[in-house]
Amino acid sequence: MSDPKHTQKPWLVKPDSIDVFDKYGYTICEVYKGKEGIANRRLIAAAPDMMAALDRILEKFDDDESIQGHCICDARAAIAKAKGGEE
């Protein structure tokens, strides 16, 4: 599968909106209202930063066979899921 590019960060949330926005103010997604929706908006908005952090972790610890190695497998799985691949 090709690696489609996501909207570049930052992704933002505004207190008076149910949307997640890009840096230009365009809506990336709309999330349901309520406490769970607020938490989901924050999680979605943090996704590009989490992806970048996981990429940095893999660059540094990719060949580590210790306990971090298991975390690397989890990081790979999360990145694959985010990119539309196998979990």
N, C-alpha and C. Protein backbone atom coordinates (compact mmCIF):
# COMPACT_ATOMS: atom_id res chain seq x y z
N MET A 1 0.85 -1.18 0.00
CA MET A 1 0.00 0.00 0.00
C MET A 1 0.89 1.23 0.00
N SER A 2 0.53 2.21 -0.78
CA SER A 2 1.30 3.45 -0.79
C SER A 2 1.11 4.19 0.53
N ASP A 3 2.01 5.11 0.80
CA ASP A 3 1.98 5.85 2.06
C ASP A 3 1.36 7.22 1.80
N PRO A 4 0.01 7.32 1.92
CA PRO A 4 -0.61 8.63 1.69
C PRO A 4 -0.17 9.62 2.76
N LYS A 5 -0.03 10.84 2.40
CA LYS A 5 0.41 11.88 3.33
C LYS A 5 -0.81 12.44 4.06
N HIS A 6 -0.65 12.62 5.35
CA HIS A 6 -1.72 13.23 6.13
C HIS A 6 -1.54 14.74 6.14
N THR A 7 -2.56 15.44 6.57
CA THR A 7 -2.50 16.89 6.71
C THR A 7 -1.38 17.23 7.68
N GLN A 8 -0.53 18.15 7.29
CA GLN A 8 0.61 18.50 8.13
C GLN A 8 0.16 19.15 9.44
N LYS A 9 0.96 18.95 10.48
CA LYS A 9 0.64 19.55 11.77
C LYS A 9 0.97 21.02 11.76
N PRO A 10 0.48 21.77 12.69
CA PRO A 10 -0.28 21.33 13.85
C PRO A 10 -1.75 21.11 13.52
N TRP A 11 -2.36 20.18 14.26
CA TRP A 11 -3.79 20.00 14.26
C TRP A 11 -4.30 20.66 15.52
N LEU A 12 -5.38 21.39 15.42
CA LEU A 12 -5.83 22.24 16.53
C LEU A 12 -7.27 21.97 16.91
N VAL A 13 -7.58 22.22 18.17
CA VAL A 13 -8.97 22.19 18.63
C VAL A 13 -9.30 23.57 19.18
N LYS A 14 -10.55 23.95 19.04
CA LYS A 14 -11.03 25.22 19.57
C LYS A 14 -12.12 24.91 20.59
N PRO A 15 -12.12 25.61 21.72
CA PRO A 15 -13.09 25.30 22.79
C PRO A 15 -14.55 25.41 22.37
N ASP A 16 -14.84 26.24 21.39
CA ASP A 16 -16.23 26.46 21.01
C ASP A 16 -16.65 25.65 19.78
N SER A 17 -15.89 24.63 19.42
CA SER A 17 -16.17 23.88 18.20
C SER A 17 -16.05 22.38 18.46
N ILE A 18 -16.73 21.57 17.63
CA ILE A 18 -16.59 20.12 17.70
C ILE A 18 -15.63 19.62 16.64
N ASP A 19 -14.96 20.51 15.92
CA ASP A 19 -14.06 20.13 14.84
C ASP A 19 -12.61 20.10 15.30
N VAL A 20 -11.80 19.39 14.53
CA VAL A 20 -10.34 19.45 14.62
C VAL A 20 -9.90 20.16 13.34
N PHE A 21 -9.03 21.15 13.48
CA PHE A 21 -8.65 22.01 12.36
C PHE A 21 -7.18 21.86 12.02
N ASP A 22 -6.83 22.18 10.74
CA ASP A 22 -5.43 22.29 10.39
C ASP A 22 -4.96 23.71 10.69
N LYS A 23 -3.70 23.99 10.41
CA LYS A 23 -3.14 25.30 10.77
C LYS A 23 -3.76 26.45 9.98
N TYR A 24 -4.47 26.14 8.90
CA TYR A 24 -5.13 27.18 8.10
C TYR A 24 -6.58 27.39 8.49
N GLY A 25 -7.08 26.59 9.44
CA GLY A 25 -8.46 26.71 9.88
C GLY A 25 -9.43 25.81 9.14
N TYR A 26 -8.93 24.94 8.26
CA TYR A 26 -9.80 24.00 7.56
C TYR A 26 -10.10 22.81 8.47
N THR A 27 -11.33 22.30 8.40
CA THR A 27 -11.74 21.18 9.23
C THR A 27 -11.10 19.89 8.75
N ILE A 28 -10.44 19.19 9.68
CA ILE A 28 -9.89 17.87 9.41
C ILE A 28 -10.96 16.82 9.70
N CYS A 29 -11.65 16.99 10.82
CA CYS A 29 -12.75 16.09 11.17
C CYS A 29 -13.66 16.75 12.18
N GLU A 30 -14.86 16.19 12.27
CA GLU A 30 -15.85 16.65 13.24
C GLU A 30 -16.07 15.52 14.22
N VAL A 31 -16.11 15.86 15.50
CA VAL A 31 -16.24 14.84 16.55
C VAL A 31 -17.52 15.11 17.33
N TYR A 32 -18.16 14.03 17.79
CA TYR A 32 -19.37 14.17 18.57
C TYR A 32 -19.13 14.98 19.84
N LYS A 33 -20.18 15.66 20.28
CA LYS A 33 -20.10 16.46 21.50
C LYS A 33 -20.06 15.57 22.73
N GLY A 34 -19.85 16.18 23.87
CA GLY A 34 -19.82 15.46 25.13
C GLY A 34 -18.40 15.25 25.62
N LYS A 35 -18.29 14.71 26.83
CA LYS A 35 -16.96 14.51 27.44
C LYS A 35 -16.09 13.59 26.59
N GLU A 36 -16.67 12.52 26.09
CA GLU A 36 -15.90 11.60 25.26
C GLU A 36 -15.45 12.28 23.98
N GLY A 37 -16.31 13.10 23.40
CA GLY A 37 -15.96 13.83 22.19
C GLY A 37 -14.81 14.79 22.40
N ILE A 38 -14.81 15.46 23.56
CA ILE A 38 -13.72 16.38 23.88
C ILE A 38 -12.40 15.62 23.96
N ALA A 39 -12.41 14.47 24.63
CA ALA A 39 -11.20 13.66 24.74
C ALA A 39 -10.77 13.14 23.36
N ASN A 40 -11.73 12.75 22.54
CA ASN A 40 -11.41 12.27 21.20
C ASN A 40 -10.79 13.36 20.34
N ARG A 41 -11.30 14.60 20.46
CA ARG A 41 -10.72 15.71 19.69
C ARG A 41 -9.26 15.92 20.06
N ARG A 42 -8.97 15.88 21.36
CA ARG A 42 -7.58 16.08 21.80
C ARG A 42 -6.69 14.96 21.28
N LEU A 43 -7.19 13.73 21.33
CA LEU A 43 -6.42 12.59 20.84
C LEU A 43 -6.15 12.72 19.33
N ILE A 44 -7.18 13.07 18.59
CA ILE A 44 -7.03 13.23 17.14
C ILE A 44 -6.05 14.36 16.82
N ALA A 45 -6.18 15.47 17.53
CA ALA A 45 -5.30 16.61 17.29
C ALA A 45 -3.84 16.27 17.61
N ALA A 46 -3.61 15.35 18.54
CA ALA A 46 -2.25 14.96 18.92
C ALA A 46 -1.65 13.91 17.98
N ALA A 47 -2.45 13.34 17.09
CA ALA A 47 -1.99 12.24 16.25
C ALA A 47 -0.71 12.53 15.46
N PRO A 48 -0.58 13.67 14.79
CA PRO A 48 0.67 13.91 14.05
C PRO A 48 1.90 13.95 14.96
N ASP A 49 1.75 14.51 16.16
CA ASP A 49 2.87 14.57 17.10
C ASP A 49 3.22 13.16 17.61
N MET A 50 2.20 12.35 17.86
CA MET A 50 2.46 10.98 18.31
C MET A 50 3.15 10.18 17.21
N MET A 51 2.72 10.37 15.97
CA MET A 51 3.34 9.67 14.84
C MET A 51 4.81 10.06 14.72
N ALA A 52 5.11 11.34 14.84
CA ALA A 52 6.50 11.80 14.76
C ALA A 52 7.33 11.22 15.90
N ALA A 53 6.76 11.16 17.11
CA ALA A 53 7.47 10.60 18.25
C ALA A 53 7.77 9.12 18.04
N LEU A 54 6.79 8.38 17.54
CA LEU A 54 7.01 6.96 17.27
C LEU A 54 8.08 6.76 16.21
N ASP A 55 8.07 7.57 15.17
CA ASP A 55 9.11 7.48 14.14
C ASP A 55 10.49 7.70 14.73
N ARG A 56 10.62 8.70 15.63
CA ARG A 56 11.92 8.97 16.27
C ARG A 56 12.35 7.80 17.15
N ILE A 57 11.40 7.20 17.86
CA ILE A 57 11.72 6.05 18.70
C ILE A 57 12.26 4.91 17.84
N LEU A 58 11.59 4.64 16.72
CA LEU A 58 12.03 3.56 15.85
C LEU A 58 13.42 3.82 15.28
N GLU A 59 13.70 5.06 14.93
CA GLU A 59 15.02 5.40 14.40
C GLU A 59 16.11 5.10 15.44
N LYS A 60 15.83 5.38 16.69
CA LYS A 60 16.84 5.24 17.74
C LYS A 60 16.98 3.80 18.26
N PHE A 61 15.88 3.09 18.40
CA PHE A 61 15.90 1.79 19.07
C PHE A 61 15.53 0.61 18.17
N ASP A 62 15.52 0.78 16.88
CA ASP A 62 15.01 -0.24 15.97
C ASP A 62 15.68 -1.60 16.13
N ASP A 63 16.97 -1.64 16.41
CA ASP A 63 17.69 -2.91 16.49
C ASP A 63 17.86 -3.42 17.92
N ASP A 64 17.22 -2.80 18.87
CA ASP A 64 17.36 -3.16 20.28
C ASP A 64 16.55 -4.42 20.58
N GLU A 65 17.21 -5.46 21.10
CA GLU A 65 16.53 -6.73 21.39
C GLU A 65 16.07 -6.82 22.84
N SER A 66 16.32 -5.80 23.66
CA SER A 66 15.92 -5.83 25.06
C SER A 66 14.43 -5.56 25.19
N ILE A 67 14.01 -5.18 26.39
CA ILE A 67 12.60 -4.90 26.64
C ILE A 67 12.06 -3.83 25.71
N GLN A 68 12.92 -2.89 25.32
CA GLN A 68 12.48 -1.86 24.38
C GLN A 68 12.06 -2.47 23.05
N GLY A 69 12.63 -3.63 22.74
CA GLY A 69 12.27 -4.30 21.49
C GLY A 69 10.78 -4.60 21.39
N HIS A 70 10.18 -4.97 22.52
CA HIS A 70 8.73 -5.23 22.52
C HIS A 70 7.96 -3.93 22.28
N CYS A 71 8.46 -2.84 22.83
CA CYS A 71 7.83 -1.55 22.60
C CYS A 71 7.95 -1.15 21.13
N ILE A 72 9.06 -1.52 20.51
CA ILE A 72 9.26 -1.22 19.10
C ILE A 72 8.19 -1.93 18.26
N CYS A 73 7.88 -3.17 18.60
CA CYS A 73 6.82 -3.90 17.89
C CYS A 73 5.49 -3.17 18.03
N ASP A 74 5.21 -2.68 19.23
CA ASP A 74 3.97 -1.93 19.45
C ASP A 74 3.97 -0.64 18.63
N ALA A 75 5.12 0.03 18.59
CA ALA A 75 5.22 1.27 17.81
C ALA A 75 5.02 0.99 16.33
N ARG A 76 5.64 -0.08 15.83
CA ARG A 76 5.45 -0.44 14.42
C ARG A 76 3.98 -0.72 14.11
N ALA A 77 3.31 -1.43 14.99
CA ALA A 77 1.90 -1.76 14.79
C ALA A 77 1.04 -0.49 14.78
N ALA A 78 1.34 0.44 15.68
CA ALA A 78 0.57 1.68 15.73
C ALA A 78 0.79 2.51 14.47
N ILE A 79 2.02 2.57 14.00
CA ILE A 79 2.32 3.32 12.78
C ILE A 79 1.63 2.67 11.59
N ALA A 80 1.69 1.34 11.50
CA ALA A 80 1.02 0.65 10.39
C ALA A 80 -0.48 0.91 10.40
N LYS A 81 -1.08 0.89 11.58
CA LYS A 81 -2.52 1.17 11.69
C LYS A 81 -2.83 2.57 11.23
N ALA A 82 -1.99 3.53 11.64
CA ALA A 82 -2.22 4.93 11.25
C ALA A 82 -2.06 5.13 9.74
N LYS A 83 -1.20 4.33 9.12
CA LYS A 83 -0.96 4.46 7.68
C LYS A 83 -1.87 3.56 6.85
N GLY A 84 -2.79 2.86 7.53
CA GLY A 84 -3.77 2.06 6.80
C GLY A 84 -3.31 0.64 6.50
N GLY A 85 -2.25 0.19 7.17
CA GLY A 85 -1.75 -1.16 6.97
C GLY A 85 -2.27 -2.12 8.01
N GLU A 86 -1.60 -3.25 8.11
CA GLU A 86 -1.97 -4.27 9.09
C GLU A 86 -1.72 -3.77 10.50
N GLU A 87 -2.57 -4.17 11.42
CA GLU A 87 -2.38 -3.83 12.85
C GLU A 87 -1.36 -4.75 13.46
